[in-house]
C-alpha cells in the first residue's frame, strides 16, 4: 500500500468511528504507521454502560480485502449490528464478527488479525 493509500485508510476509519453518545473518539494510527498520522495520540476515557461493548482490532481486520472486489472490510458499517446487545455473550458476538470477516475475504485471511471485545461485568 502506498503512503497516500495509508493516509486515505486512516482518514476513512477516523471519520467512521464515533460512539453512540456522539462523542468523537480520537483515531490512533496502528503501530508502524505513525509516520503517516498527524499529531500525537490523545488519551481518552469513557465509561462503558451496562449493555455497551468496546471493540478493538488489529490492522489486519480493517485492511482485509474482499475476494471479489478488493474492498477493505467495512468494520465500521458491520460491527454494530453483529455485536449489538451481546455484552452478556461476547463469545457468540466475536464468532459472528469473525465469520462475517471470513465471508468478506472468501474464507482465508492474508494477514494476522485480532478482534477483542470488552464489556462491563
Protein backbone atom coordinates (compact mmCIF):
# COMPACT_ATOMS: atom_id res chain seq x y z
CA UNK A 1 0.00 0.00 0.00
CA UNK A 2 1.29 3.45 -0.84
CA UNK A 3 1.67 6.28 1.66
CA UNK A 4 -1.32 8.00 0.03
CA UNK A 5 -3.38 4.84 0.40
CA UNK A 6 -2.46 4.55 4.07
CA UNK A 7 -3.46 8.18 4.69
CA UNK A 8 -6.80 7.60 2.93
CA UNK A 9 -7.44 4.47 5.00
CA UNK A 10 -6.68 6.31 8.26
CA UNK A 11 -8.98 9.16 7.25
CA UNK A 12 -11.81 6.78 6.30
CA UNK A 13 -11.54 4.84 9.54
CA UNK A 14 -11.26 8.04 11.57
CA UNK A 15 -14.42 9.50 10.05
CA UNK A 16 -16.35 6.28 10.63
CA UNK A 17 -15.51 5.79 14.31
CA UNK A 18 -17.67 7.52 16.89
CA UNK A 19 -19.53 6.43 19.97
CA UNK A 20 -23.30 6.07 20.31
CA UNK A 21 -23.23 9.10 22.57
CA UNK A 22 -21.93 11.29 19.76
CA UNK A 23 -18.50 11.70 21.33
CA UNK A 24 -15.71 11.67 18.78
CA UNK A 25 -13.10 9.07 19.64
CA UNK A 26 -9.57 10.08 18.58
CA UNK A 27 -8.07 7.85 15.94
CA UNK A 28 -4.67 6.43 16.70
CA UNK A 29 -2.56 5.11 13.85
CA UNK A 30 -1.63 1.44 14.03
CA UNK A 31 1.93 0.62 15.12
CA UNK A 32 4.30 1.11 12.23
CA UNK A 33 2.10 3.71 10.53
CA UNK A 34 2.56 6.65 12.90
CA UNK A 35 4.73 8.44 10.33
CA UNK A 36 1.58 8.90 8.23
CA UNK A 37 -0.59 10.28 11.06
CA UNK A 38 -0.68 13.88 12.17
CA UNK A 39 -0.21 14.85 15.81
CA UNK A 40 0.36 12.67 18.85
CA UNK A 41 -2.13 10.13 20.20
CA UNK A 42 -4.64 11.65 22.61
CA UNK A 43 -5.72 9.67 25.66
CA UNK A 44 -9.46 9.40 26.22
CA UNK A 45 -11.68 7.87 28.82
CA UNK A 46 -15.28 6.77 28.59
CA UNK A 47 -17.26 4.57 30.95
CA UNK A 48 -18.97 1.61 29.33
CA UNK A 49 -22.65 1.33 30.08
CA UNK A 50 -24.17 -2.00 31.18
CA UNK A 51 -25.08 -3.08 27.63
CA UNK A 52 -22.19 -1.48 25.73
CA UNK A 53 -19.30 -3.36 24.14
CA UNK A 54 -15.88 -1.99 23.23
CA UNK A 55 -14.40 -3.47 20.05
CA UNK A 56 -10.67 -3.37 19.41
CA UNK A 57 -8.82 -4.90 16.49
CA UNK A 58 -5.52 -5.05 14.68
CA UNK A 59 -4.90 -3.54 11.27
CA UNK A 60 -5.28 -6.99 9.72
CA UNK A 61 -9.03 -6.70 10.28
CA UNK A 62 -9.62 -3.28 8.70
CA UNK A 63 -7.15 -3.98 5.89
CA UNK A 64 -8.69 -7.36 4.99
CA UNK A 65 -9.58 -7.24 1.29
CA UNK A 66 -12.73 -8.63 -0.28
CA UNK A 67 -12.07 -11.56 -2.55
CA UNK A 68 -14.27 -10.31 -5.37
CA UNK A 69 -13.72 -6.56 -5.38
CA UNK A 70 -10.64 -5.99 -3.20
CA UNK A 71 -12.58 -3.60 -0.94
CA UNK A 72 -11.43 -3.19 2.66
CA UNK A 73 -13.54 -4.95 5.29
CA UNK A 74 -16.25 -2.43 6.32
CA UNK A 75 -15.84 -2.89 10.08
CA UNK A 76 -17.47 0.42 10.99
CA UNK A 77 -20.56 -0.45 8.94
CA UNK A 78 -20.97 -4.05 10.12
CA UNK A 79 -19.76 -4.22 13.71
CA UNK A 80 -22.73 -2.55 15.38
CA UNK A 81 -25.33 -4.96 14.03
CA UNK A 82 -23.12 -8.00 14.65
CA UNK A 83 -22.24 -7.05 18.24
CA UNK A 84 -25.35 -5.16 19.42
CA UNK A 85 -26.91 -6.48 22.61
CA UNK A 86 -24.14 -9.01 23.17
CA UNK A 87 -22.50 -7.71 26.36
CA UNK A 88 -23.56 -10.89 28.19
CA UNK A 89 -22.37 -13.22 25.40
CA UNK A 90 -19.15 -11.88 23.90
CA UNK A 91 -18.06 -15.30 22.64
CA UNK A 92 -21.02 -15.54 20.24
CA UNK A 93 -20.61 -11.91 19.21
CA UNK A 94 -16.95 -12.39 18.31
CA UNK A 95 -17.88 -15.57 16.42
CA UNK A 96 -20.44 -13.64 14.33
CA UNK A 97 -17.97 -10.84 13.61
CA UNK A 98 -15.15 -13.24 12.69
CA UNK A 99 -17.46 -15.31 10.44
CA UNK A 100 -18.51 -12.11 8.66
CA UNK A 101 -14.85 -11.12 8.20
CA UNK A 102 -14.06 -14.55 6.70
CA UNK A 103 -17.05 -14.30 4.33
CA UNK A 104 -15.77 -10.91 3.18
CA UNK A 105 -12.31 -12.25 2.30
CA UNK A 106 -13.55 -15.52 0.85
CA UNK A 107 -12.55 -17.79 3.71
CA UNK A 108 -8.88 -17.04 4.32
CA UNK A 109 -7.16 -14.04 5.89
CA UNK A 110 -3.91 -12.81 4.36
CA UNK A 111 -2.62 -11.07 7.50
CA UNK A 112 -2.66 -11.63 11.22
CA UNK A 113 -5.96 -10.42 12.65
CA UNK A 114 -7.09 -9.95 16.22
CA UNK A 115 -10.58 -8.98 17.37
CA UNK A 116 -11.15 -8.16 21.05
CA UNK A 117 -14.49 -7.36 22.66
CA UNK A 118 -14.74 -5.95 26.18
CA UNK A 119 -17.87 -5.43 28.23
CA UNK A 120 -18.62 -4.24 31.72
CA UNK A 121 -19.45 -7.06 34.09
